[in-house]
Amino acid sequence: SAPVIREAGGDRSAVTGGTQVLSDRLKIRITTAPGSSFVDRM
């Protein structure tokens, strides 16, 4: 339940589909094709 910080650059820039933004806003570049996301594989 503890939230994490995600930001541009560095090793905290990767985000996973299905997770929820709790504050502020993000611009995200999609890096996986439909059906092959990390959540789909999980």
PDB file of all heavy atoms in Angstrom:
ATOM      1  N   SER A   1       0.811  -1.213   0.000  1.00  0.00           N
ATOM      2  CA  SER A   1       0.000   0.000   0.000  1.00  0.00           C
ATOM      3  C   SER A   1       0.847   1.266   0.000  1.00  0.00           C
ATOM      4  O   SER A   1       0.353   2.340  -0.322  1.00  0.00           O
ATOM      5  CB  SER A   1      -0.924   0.008   1.223  1.00  0.00           C
ATOM      6  OG  SER A   1      -0.167  -0.101   2.405  1.00  0.00           O
ATOM      7  N   ALA A   2       2.125   1.190   0.366  1.00  0.00           N
ATOM      8  CA  ALA A   2       2.971   2.373   0.415  1.00  0.00           C
ATOM      9  C   ALA A   2       3.252   2.870  -1.001  1.00  0.00           C
ATOM     10  O   ALA A   2       3.723   2.102  -1.847  1.00  0.00           O
ATOM     11  CB  ALA A   2       4.285   2.057   1.132  1.00  0.00           C
ATOM     12  N   PRO A   3       2.964   4.145  -1.291  1.00  0.00           N
ATOM     13  CA  PRO A   3       3.211   4.665  -2.638  1.00  0.00           C
ATOM     14  C   PRO A   3       4.702   4.833  -2.908  1.00  0.00           C
ATOM     15  O   PRO A   3       5.518   4.884  -1.994  1.00  0.00           O
ATOM     16  CB  PRO A   3       2.492   6.016  -2.619  1.00  0.00           C
ATOM     17  CG  PRO A   3       2.484   6.424  -1.179  1.00  0.00           C
ATOM     18  CD  PRO A   3       2.378   5.151  -0.398  1.00  0.00           C
ATOM     19  N   VAL A   4       5.058   4.931  -4.192  1.00  0.00           N
ATOM     20  CA  VAL A   4       6.445   5.129  -4.605  1.00  0.00           C
ATOM     21  C   VAL A   4       6.510   6.376  -5.468  1.00  0.00           C
ATOM     22  O   VAL A   4       5.507   6.839  -6.009  1.00  0.00           O
ATOM     23  CB  VAL A   4       6.988   3.912  -5.373  1.00  0.00           C
ATOM     24  CG1 VAL A   4       7.030   2.691  -4.483  1.00  0.00           C
ATOM     25  CG2 VAL A   4       6.136   3.628  -6.611  1.00  0.00           C
ATOM     26  N   ILE A   5       7.709   6.934  -5.575  1.00  0.00           N
ATOM     27  CA  ILE A   5       7.918   8.122  -6.397  1.00  0.00           C
ATOM     28  C   ILE A   5       8.405   7.688  -7.777  1.00  0.00           C
ATOM     29  O   ILE A   5       9.319   6.883  -7.893  1.00  0.00           O
ATOM     30  CB  ILE A   5       8.944   9.072  -5.747  1.00  0.00           C
ATOM     31  CG1 ILE A   5       8.439   9.539  -4.371  1.00  0.00           C
ATOM     32  CG2 ILE A   5       9.203  10.275  -6.656  1.00  0.00           C
ATOM     33  CD1 ILE A   5       7.134  10.303  -4.426  1.00  0.00           C
ATOM     34  N   ARG A   6       7.788   8.226  -8.805  1.00  0.00           N
ATOM     35  CA  ARG A   6       8.213   7.989 -10.174  1.00  0.00           C
ATOM     36  C   ARG A   6       8.462   9.339 -10.828  1.00  0.00           C
ATOM     37  O   ARG A   6       7.647  10.261 -10.698  1.00  0.00           O
ATOM     38  CB  ARG A   6       7.156   7.198 -10.951  1.00  0.00           C
ATOM     39  CG  ARG A   6       6.977   5.776 -10.426  1.00  0.00           C
ATOM     40  CD  ARG A   6       8.184   4.930 -10.746  1.00  0.00           C
ATOM     41  NE  ARG A   6       8.081   3.576 -10.244  1.00  0.00           N
ATOM     42  CZ  ARG A   6       8.767   3.113  -9.209  1.00  0.00           C
ATOM     43  NH1 ARG A   6       9.598   3.908  -8.564  1.00  0.00           N
ATOM     44  NH2 ARG A   6       8.648   1.852  -8.838  1.00  0.00           N
ATOM     45  N   GLU A   7       9.612   9.458 -11.519  1.00  0.00           N
ATOM     46  CA  GLU A   7       9.978  10.735 -12.121  1.00  0.00           C
ATOM     47  C   GLU A   7      10.783  10.504 -13.388  1.00  0.00           C
ATOM     48  O   GLU A   7      11.317   9.405 -13.610  1.00  0.00           O
ATOM     49  CB  GLU A   7      10.787  11.582 -11.137  1.00  0.00           C
ATOM     50  CG  GLU A   7      12.094  10.939 -10.697  1.00  0.00           C
ATOM     51  CD  GLU A   7      12.847  11.787  -9.706  1.00  0.00           C
ATOM     52  OE1 GLU A   7      12.769  13.014  -9.811  1.00  0.00           O
ATOM     53  OE2 GLU A   7      13.514  11.218  -8.829  1.00  0.00           O
ATOM     54  N   ALA A   8      10.875  11.538 -14.188  1.00  0.00           N
ATOM     55  CA  ALA A   8      11.627  11.442 -15.434  1.00  0.00           C
ATOM     56  C   ALA A   8      13.115  11.307 -15.141  1.00  0.00           C
ATOM     57  O   ALA A   8      13.636  11.935 -14.218  1.00  0.00           O
ATOM     58  CB  ALA A   8      11.366  12.680 -16.292  1.00  0.00           C
ATOM     59  N   GLY A   9      13.789  10.482 -15.940  1.00  0.00           N
ATOM     60  CA  GLY A   9      15.222  10.291 -15.778  1.00  0.00           C
ATOM     61  C   GLY A   9      15.557   9.368 -14.625  1.00  0.00           C
ATOM     62  O   GLY A   9      14.734   9.084 -13.759  1.00  0.00           O
ATOM     63  N   GLY A  10      16.763   8.837 -14.610  1.00  0.00           N
ATOM     64  CA  GLY A  10      17.205   7.995 -13.506  1.00  0.00           C
ATOM     65  C   GLY A  10      16.559   6.623 -13.532  1.00  0.00           C
ATOM     66  O   GLY A  10      16.013   6.174 -14.538  1.00  0.00           O
ATOM     67  N   ASP A  11      16.653   5.936 -12.390  1.00  0.00           N
ATOM     68  CA  ASP A  11      16.148   4.562 -12.325  1.00  0.00           C
ATOM     69  C   ASP A  11      14.763   4.496 -11.694  1.00  0.00           C
ATOM     70  O   ASP A  11      14.328   3.437 -11.282  1.00  0.00           O
ATOM     71  CB  ASP A  11      17.133   3.661 -11.570  1.00  0.00           C
ATOM     72  CG  ASP A  11      17.256   4.025 -10.108  1.00  0.00           C
ATOM     73  OD1 ASP A  11      16.763   5.111  -9.737  1.00  0.00           O
ATOM     74  OD2 ASP A  11      17.840   3.237  -9.341  1.00  0.00           O
ATOM     75  N   ARG A  12      14.074   5.640 -11.619  1.00  0.00           N
ATOM     76  CA  ARG A  12      12.711   5.644 -11.100  1.00  0.00           C
ATOM     77  C   ARG A  12      11.726   6.147 -12.154  1.00  0.00           C
ATOM     78  O   ARG A  12      10.682   6.686 -11.838  1.00  0.00           O
ATOM     79  CB  ARG A  12      12.621   6.506  -9.840  1.00  0.00           C
ATOM     80  CG  ARG A  12      13.444   5.975  -8.677  1.00  0.00           C
ATOM     81  CD  ARG A  12      13.127   6.696  -7.383  1.00  0.00           C
ATOM     82  NE  ARG A  12      13.448   8.114  -7.456  1.00  0.00           N
ATOM     83  CZ  ARG A  12      13.239   8.977  -6.457  1.00  0.00           C
ATOM     84  NH1 ARG A  12      12.704   8.548  -5.329  1.00  0.00           N
ATOM     85  NH2 ARG A  12      13.558  10.245  -6.578  1.00  0.00           N
ATOM     86  N   SER A  13      12.088   5.962 -13.418  1.00  0.00           N
ATOM     87  CA  SER A  13      11.244   6.486 -14.491  1.00  0.00           C
ATOM     88  C   SER A  13      10.292   5.441 -15.054  1.00  0.00           C
ATOM     89  O   SER A  13       9.331   5.792 -15.728  1.00  0.00           O
ATOM     90  CB  SER A  13      12.116   7.044 -15.621  1.00  0.00           C
ATOM     91  OG  SER A  13      12.915   6.014 -16.173  1.00  0.00           O
ATOM     92  N   ALA A  14      10.559   4.156 -14.798  1.00  0.00           N
ATOM     93  CA  ALA A  14       9.704   3.098 -15.352  1.00  0.00           C
ATOM     94  C   ALA A  14       8.409   2.991 -14.559  1.00  0.00           C
ATOM     95  O   ALA A  14       8.414   3.009 -13.332  1.00  0.00           O
ATOM     96  CB  ALA A  14      10.444   1.765 -15.338  1.00  0.00           C
ATOM     97  N   VAL A  15       7.296   2.876 -15.265  1.00  0.00           N
ATOM     98  CA  VAL A  15       5.993   2.717 -14.622  1.00  0.00           C
ATOM     99  C   VAL A  15       5.287   1.511 -15.233  1.00  0.00           C
ATOM    100  O   VAL A  15       5.577   1.098 -16.357  1.00  0.00           O
ATOM    101  CB  VAL A  15       5.119   3.982 -14.784  1.00  0.00           C
ATOM    102  CG1 VAL A  15       5.668   5.139 -13.970  1.00  0.00           C
ATOM    103  CG2 VAL A  15       4.991   4.365 -16.254  1.00  0.00           C
ATOM    104  N   THR A  16       4.365   0.954 -14.469  1.00  0.00           N
ATOM    105  CA  THR A  16       3.659  -0.257 -14.873  1.00  0.00           C
ATOM    106  C   THR A  16       2.190   0.042 -15.092  1.00  0.00           C
ATOM    107  O   THR A  16       1.562   0.743 -14.290  1.00  0.00           O
ATOM    108  CB  THR A  16       3.814  -1.346 -13.796  1.00  0.00           C
ATOM    109  OG1 THR A  16       5.206  -1.571 -13.560  1.00  0.00           O
ATOM    110  CG2 THR A  16       3.165  -2.644 -14.230  1.00  0.00           C
ATOM    111  N   GLY A  17       1.637  -0.485 -16.165  1.00  0.00           N
ATOM    112  CA  GLY A  17       0.228  -0.295 -16.452  1.00  0.00           C
ATOM    113  C   GLY A  17      -0.656  -0.836 -15.345  1.00  0.00           C
ATOM    114  O   GLY A  17      -0.383  -1.889 -14.778  1.00  0.00           O
ATOM    115  N   GLY A  18      -1.741  -0.108 -15.044  1.00  0.00           N
ATOM    116  CA  GLY A  18      -2.668  -0.540 -14.003  1.00  0.00           C
ATOM    117  C   GLY A  18      -2.391   0.073 -12.652  1.00  0.00           C
ATOM    118  O   GLY A  18      -3.181  -0.092 -11.729  1.00  0.00           O
ATOM    119  N   THR A  19      -1.263   0.774 -12.503  1.00  0.00           N
ATOM    120  CA  THR A  19      -0.978   1.448 -11.240  1.00  0.00           C
ATOM    121  C   THR A  19      -1.567   2.855 -11.283  1.00  0.00           C
ATOM    122  O   THR A  19      -1.860   3.394 -12.347  1.00  0.00           O
ATOM    123  CB  THR A  19       0.530   1.494 -10.971  1.00  0.00           C
ATOM    124  OG1 THR A  19       1.200   2.155 -12.063  1.00  0.00           O
ATOM    125  CG2 THR A  19       1.084   0.078 -10.851  1.00  0.00           C
ATOM    126  N   GLN A  20      -1.713   3.462 -10.105  1.00  0.00           N
ATOM    127  CA  GLN A  20      -2.495   4.699  -9.997  1.00  0.00           C
ATOM    128  C   GLN A  20      -1.634   5.870  -9.551  1.00  0.00           C
ATOM    129  O   GLN A  20      -0.866   5.771  -8.597  1.00  0.00           O
ATOM    130  CB  GLN A  20      -3.632   4.495  -8.997  1.00  0.00           C
ATOM    131  CG  GLN A  20      -4.590   5.681  -8.893  1.00  0.00           C
ATOM    132  CD  GLN A  20      -5.660   5.449  -7.852  1.00  0.00           C
ATOM    133  OE1 GLN A  20      -5.412   4.830  -6.833  1.00  0.00           O
ATOM    134  NE2 GLN A  20      -6.864   5.928  -8.113  1.00  0.00           N
ATOM    135  N   VAL A  21      -1.774   6.988 -10.256  1.00  0.00           N
ATOM    136  CA  VAL A  21      -1.086   8.222  -9.884  1.00  0.00           C
ATOM    137  C   VAL A  21      -1.856   8.877  -8.738  1.00  0.00           C
ATOM    138  O   VAL A  21      -3.053   9.129  -8.843  1.00  0.00           O
ATOM    139  CB  VAL A  21      -0.986   9.181 -11.086  1.00  0.00           C
ATOM    140  CG1 VAL A  21      -0.408  10.522 -10.655  1.00  0.00           C
ATOM    141  CG2 VAL A  21      -0.140   8.560 -12.188  1.00  0.00           C
ATOM    142  N   LEU A  22      -1.149   9.116  -7.626  1.00  0.00           N
ATOM    143  CA  LEU A  22      -1.800   9.686  -6.442  1.00  0.00           C
ATOM    144  C   LEU A  22      -1.655  11.196  -6.348  1.00  0.00           C
ATOM    145  O   LEU A  22      -2.425  11.850  -5.643  1.00  0.00           O
ATOM    146  CB  LEU A  22      -1.220   9.041  -5.179  1.00  0.00           C
ATOM    147  CG  LEU A  22      -1.428   7.532  -5.027  1.00  0.00           C
ATOM    148  CD1 LEU A  22      -0.787   7.050  -3.735  1.00  0.00           C
ATOM    149  CD2 LEU A  22      -2.906   7.190  -5.043  1.00  0.00           C
ATOM    150  N   SER A  23      -0.643  11.750  -7.011  1.00  0.00           N
ATOM    151  CA  SER A  23      -0.444  13.198  -6.933  1.00  0.00           C
ATOM    152  C   SER A  23       0.207  13.690  -8.219  1.00  0.00           C
ATOM    153  O   SER A  23       0.871  12.921  -8.918  1.00  0.00           O
ATOM    154  CB  SER A  23       0.459  13.548  -5.739  1.00  0.00           C
ATOM    155  OG  SER A  23       1.774  13.053  -5.953  1.00  0.00           O
ATOM    156  N   ASP A  24      -0.003  14.940  -8.526  1.00  0.00           N
ATOM    157  CA  ASP A  24       0.644  15.600  -9.663  1.00  0.00           C
ATOM    158  C   ASP A  24       0.261  14.941 -10.995  1.00  0.00           C
ATOM    159  O   ASP A  24      -0.775  14.294 -11.089  1.00  0.00           O
ATOM    160  CB  ASP A  24       2.165  15.619  -9.454  1.00  0.00           C
ATOM    161  CG  ASP A  24       2.525  16.280  -8.134  1.00  0.00           C
ATOM    162  OD1 ASP A  24       2.283  17.482  -7.996  1.00  0.00           O
ATOM    163  OD2 ASP A  24       3.007  15.573  -7.232  1.00  0.00           O
ATOM    164  N   ARG A  25       1.125  15.064 -11.978  1.00  0.00           N
ATOM    165  CA  ARG A  25       0.834  14.519 -13.303  1.00  0.00           C
ATOM    166  C   ARG A  25       2.113  14.041 -13.960  1.00  0.00           C
ATOM    167  O   ARG A  25       3.207  14.530 -13.663  1.00  0.00           O
ATOM    168  CB  ARG A  25       0.135  15.549 -14.193  1.00  0.00           C
ATOM    169  CG  ARG A  25       0.883  16.849 -14.336  1.00  0.00           C
ATOM    170  CD  ARG A  25       0.136  17.841 -15.191  1.00  0.00           C
ATOM    171  NE  ARG A  25       0.494  17.697 -16.598  1.00  0.00           N
ATOM    172  CZ  ARG A  25      -0.136  18.309 -17.587  1.00  0.00           C
ATOM    173  NH1 ARG A  25      -1.181  19.075 -17.327  1.00  0.00           N
ATOM    174  NH2 ARG A  25       0.251  18.157 -18.829  1.00  0.00           N
ATOM    175  N   LEU A  26       1.952  13.092 -14.864  1.00  0.00           N
ATOM    176  CA  LEU A  26       3.095  12.501 -15.556  1.00  0.00           C
ATOM    177  C   LEU A  26       2.819  12.451 -17.048  1.00  0.00           C
ATOM    178  O   LEU A  26       1.687  12.197 -17.470  1.00  0.00           O
ATOM    179  CB  LEU A  26       3.367  11.074 -15.061  1.00  0.00           C
ATOM    180  CG  LEU A  26       3.760  10.877 -13.590  1.00  0.00           C
ATOM    181  CD1 LEU A  26       3.833   9.391 -13.278  1.00  0.00           C
ATOM    182  CD2 LEU A  26       5.090  11.557 -13.290  1.00  0.00           C
ATOM    183  N   LYS A  27       3.857  12.672 -17.817  1.00  0.00           N
ATOM    184  CA  LYS A  27       3.822  12.344 -19.236  1.00  0.00           C
ATOM    185  C   LYS A  27       4.607  11.054 -19.403  1.00  0.00           C
ATOM    186  O   LYS A  27       5.755  10.947 -18.971  1.00  0.00           O
ATOM    187  CB  LYS A  27       4.443  13.454 -20.083  1.00  0.00           C
ATOM    188  CG  LYS A  27       3.529  14.624 -20.363  1.00  0.00           C
ATOM    189  CD  LYS A  27       4.179  15.597 -21.337  1.00  0.00           C
ATOM    190  CE  LYS A  27       3.287  16.812 -21.556  1.00  0.00           C
ATOM    191  NZ  LYS A  27       3.934  17.788 -22.484  1.00  0.00           N
ATOM    192  N   ILE A  28       3.971  10.086 -20.031  1.00  0.00           N
ATOM    193  CA  ILE A  28       4.564   8.748 -20.104  1.00  0.00           C
ATOM    194  C   ILE A  28       4.643   8.305 -21.558  1.00  0.00           C
ATOM    195  O   ILE A  28       3.659   8.406 -22.306  1.00  0.00           O
ATOM    196  CB  ILE A  28       3.722   7.740 -19.295  1.00  0.00           C
ATOM    197  CG1 ILE A  28       3.687   8.160 -17.822  1.00  0.00           C
ATOM    198  CG2 ILE A  28       4.255   6.316 -19.443  1.00  0.00           C
ATOM    199  CD1 ILE A  28       2.649   7.427 -17.007  1.00  0.00           C
ATOM    200  N   ARG A  29       5.814   7.804 -21.937  1.00  0.00           N
ATOM    201  CA  ARG A  29       5.978   7.215 -23.267  1.00  0.00           C
ATOM    202  C   ARG A  29       5.772   5.710 -23.153  1.00  0.00           C
ATOM    203  O   ARG A  29       6.440   5.038 -22.367  1.00  0.00           O
ATOM    204  CB  ARG A  29       7.357   7.514 -23.841  1.00  0.00           C
ATOM    205  CG  ARG A  29       7.570   6.904 -25.251  1.00  0.00           C
ATOM    206  CD  ARG A  29       8.962   7.137 -25.782  1.00  0.00           C
ATOM    207  NE  ARG A  29       9.198   8.558 -26.046  1.00  0.00           N
ATOM    208  CZ  ARG A  29      10.072   9.299 -25.376  1.00  0.00           C
ATOM    209  NH1 ARG A  29      10.770   8.757 -24.377  1.00  0.00           N
ATOM    210  NH2 ARG A  29      10.238  10.576 -25.673  1.00  0.00           N
ATOM    211  N   ILE A  30       4.835   5.155 -23.897  1.00  0.00           N
ATOM    212  CA  ILE A  30       4.527   3.723 -23.853  1.00  0.00           C
ATOM    213  C   ILE A  30       5.683   2.930 -24.460  1.00  0.00           C
ATOM    214  O   ILE A  30       6.188   3.269 -25.541  1.00  0.00           O
ATOM    215  CB  ILE A  30       3.216   3.419 -24.610  1.00  0.00           C
ATOM    216  CG1 ILE A  30       2.044   4.182 -23.959  1.00  0.00           C
ATOM    217  CG2 ILE A  30       2.933   1.927 -24.611  1.00  0.00           C
ATOM    218  CD1 ILE A  30       1.793   3.822 -22.514  1.00  0.00           C
ATOM    219  N   THR A  31       6.092   1.869 -23.772  1.00  0.00           N
ATOM    220  CA  THR A  31       7.267   1.096 -24.215  1.00  0.00           C
ATOM    221  C   THR A  31       6.948  -0.355 -24.563  1.00  0.00           C
ATOM    222  O   THR A  31       7.848  -1.094 -24.959  1.00  0.00           O
ATOM    223  CB  THR A  31       8.353   1.113 -23.123  1.00  0.00           C
ATOM    224  OG1 THR A  31       7.793   0.596 -21.906  1.00  0.00           O
ATOM    225  CG2 THR A  31       8.869   2.516 -22.881  1.00  0.00           C
ATOM    226  N   THR A  32       5.695  -0.772 -24.382  1.00  0.00           N
ATOM    227  CA  THR A  32       5.347  -2.158 -24.721  1.00  0.00           C
ATOM    228  C   THR A  32       4.098  -2.192 -25.586  1.00  0.00           C
ATOM    229  O   THR A  32       3.223  -1.326 -25.477  1.00  0.00           O
ATOM    230  CB  THR A  32       5.085  -3.008 -23.465  1.00  0.00           C
ATOM    231  OG1 THR A  32       4.048  -2.412 -22.689  1.00  0.00           O
ATOM    232  CG2 THR A  32       6.335  -3.145 -22.618  1.00  0.00           C
ATOM    233  N   ALA A  33       4.012  -3.224 -26.409  1.00  0.00           N
ATOM    234  CA  ALA A  33       2.856  -3.388 -27.282  1.00  0.00           C
ATOM    235  C   ALA A  33       1.689  -3.981 -26.510  1.00  0.00           C
ATOM    236  O   ALA A  33       1.888  -4.627 -25.469  1.00  0.00           O
ATOM    237  CB  ALA A  33       3.228  -4.291 -28.461  1.00  0.00           C
ATOM    238  N   PRO A  34       0.449  -3.790 -26.977  1.00  0.00           N
ATOM    239  CA  PRO A  34      -0.712  -4.372 -26.289  1.00  0.00           C
ATOM    240  C   PRO A  34      -0.581  -5.890 -26.166  1.00  0.00           C
ATOM    241  O   PRO A  34      -0.141  -6.571 -27.086  1.00  0.00           O
ATOM    242  CB  PRO A  34      -1.881  -3.990 -27.223  1.00  0.00           C
ATOM    243  CG  PRO A  34      -1.398  -2.801 -27.981  1.00  0.00           C
ATOM    244  CD  PRO A  34       0.075  -2.991 -28.155  1.00  0.00           C
ATOM    245  N   GLY A  35      -0.958  -6.397 -25.004  1.00  0.00           N
ATOM    246  CA  GLY A  35      -0.909  -7.836 -24.773  1.00  0.00           C
ATOM    247  C   GLY A  35       0.431  -8.358 -24.310  1.00  0.00           C
ATOM    248  O   GLY A  35       0.549  -9.527 -23.944  1.00  0.00           O
ATOM    249  N   SER A  36       1.458  -7.499 -24.328  1.00  0.00           N
ATOM    250  CA  SER A  36       2.787  -7.958 -23.904  1.00  0.00           C
ATOM    251  C   SER A  36       3.322  -7.151 -22.732  1.00  0.00           C
ATOM    252  O   SER A  36       4.511  -7.168 -22.460  1.00  0.00           O
ATOM    253  CB  SER A  36       3.773  -7.870 -25.076  1.00  0.00           C
ATOM    254  OG  SER A  36       3.910  -6.525 -25.517  1.00  0.00           O
ATOM    255  N   SER A  37       2.435  -6.430 -22.055  1.00  0.00           N
ATOM    256  CA  SER A  37       2.879  -5.623 -20.921  1.00  0.00           C
ATOM    257  C   SER A  37       3.282  -6.512 -19.758  1.00  0.00           C
ATOM    258  O   SER A  37       3.006  -7.719 -19.738  1.00  0.00           O
ATOM    259  CB  SER A  37       1.759  -4.676 -20.472  1.00  0.00           C
ATOM    260  OG  SER A  37       0.706  -5.421 -19.873  1.00  0.00           O
ATOM    261  N   PHE A  38       3.918  -5.898 -18.796  1.00  0.00           N
ATOM    262  CA  PHE A  38       4.355  -6.652 -17.619  1.00  0.00           C
ATOM    263  C   PHE A  38       3.153  -7.248 -16.886  1.00  0.00           C
ATOM    264  O   PHE A  38       3.201  -8.388 -16.423  1.00  0.00           O
ATOM    265  CB  PHE A  38       5.134  -5.724 -16.686  1.00  0.00           C
ATOM    266  CG  PHE A  38       5.741  -6.421 -15.517  1.00  0.00           C
ATOM    267  CD1 PHE A  38       6.729  -7.363 -15.703  1.00  0.00           C
ATOM    268  CD2 PHE A  38       5.315  -6.153 -14.226  1.00  0.00           C
ATOM    269  CE1 PHE A  38       7.296  -8.018 -14.624  1.00  0.00           C
ATOM    270  CE2 PHE A  38       5.869  -6.801 -13.152  1.00  0.00           C
ATOM    271  CZ  PHE A  38       6.865  -7.731 -13.355  1.00  0.00           C
ATOM    272  N   VAL A  39       2.068  -6.496 -16.801  1.00  0.00           N
ATOM    273  CA  VAL A  39       0.873  -7.004 -16.130  1.00  0.00           C
ATOM    274  C   VAL A  39       0.314  -8.212 -16.879  1.00  0.00           C
ATOM    275  O   VAL A  39      -0.091  -9.203 -16.272  1.00  0.00           O
ATOM    276  CB  VAL A  39      -0.191  -5.897 -16.009  1.00  0.00           C
ATOM    277  CG1 VAL A  39      -1.524  -6.469 -15.550  1.00  0.00           C
ATOM    278  CG2 VAL A  39       0.277  -4.822 -15.036  1.00  0.00           C
ATOM    279  N   ASP A  40       0.288  -8.138 -18.219  1.00  0.00           N
ATOM    280  CA  ASP A  40      -0.206  -9.275 -19.005  1.00  0.00           C
ATOM    281  C   ASP A  40       0.628 -10.520 -18.737  1.00  0.00           C
ATOM    282  O   ASP A  40       0.095 -11.625 -18.591  1.00  0.00           O
ATOM    283  CB  ASP A  40      -0.174  -8.944 -20.501  1.00  0.00           C
ATOM    284  CG  ASP A  40      -1.210  -7.906 -20.898  1.00  0.00           C
ATOM    285  OD1 ASP A  40      -2.370  -8.059 -20.482  1.00  0.00           O
ATOM    286  OD2 ASP A  40      -0.855  -6.948 -21.591  1.00  0.00           O
ATOM    287  N   ARG A  41       1.944 -10.350 -18.683  1.00  0.00           N
ATOM    288  CA  ARG A  41       2.809 -11.507 -18.430  1.00  0.00           C
ATOM    289  C   ARG A  41       2.612 -12.038 -17.020  1.00  0.00           C
ATOM    290  O   ARG A  41       2.622 -13.245 -16.777  1.00  0.00           O
ATOM    291  CB  ARG A  41       4.276 -11.125 -18.652  1.00  0.00           C
ATOM    292  CG  ARG A  41       4.586 -10.774 -20.096  1.00  0.00           C
ATOM    293  CD  ARG A  41       6.075 -10.769 -20.359  1.00  0.00           C
ATOM    294  NE  ARG A  41       6.805  -9.894 -19.465  1.00  0.00           N
ATOM    295  CZ  ARG A  41       6.951  -8.589 -19.663  1.00  0.00           C
ATOM    296  NH1 ARG A  41       6.401  -8.021 -20.719  1.00  0.00           N
ATOM    297  NH2 ARG A  41       7.645  -7.848 -18.818  1.00  0.00           N
ATOM    298  N   MET A  42       2.435 -11.123 -16.069  1.00  0.00           N
ATOM    299  CA  MET A  42       2.203 -11.553 -14.693  1.00  0.00           C
ATOM    300  C   MET A  42       0.914 -12.358 -14.582  1.00  0.00           C
ATOM    301  O   MET A  42       0.876 -13.406 -13.919  1.00  0.00           O
ATOM    302  CB  MET A  42       2.126 -10.336 -13.758  1.00  0.00           C
ATOM    303  CG  MET A  42       3.476  -9.744 -13.395  1.00  0.00           C
ATOM    304  SD  MET A  42       3.274  -8.291 -12.351  1.00  0.00           S
ATOM    305  CE  MET A  42       2.439  -8.986 -10.949  1.00  0.00           C
TER     306      MET A  42
END
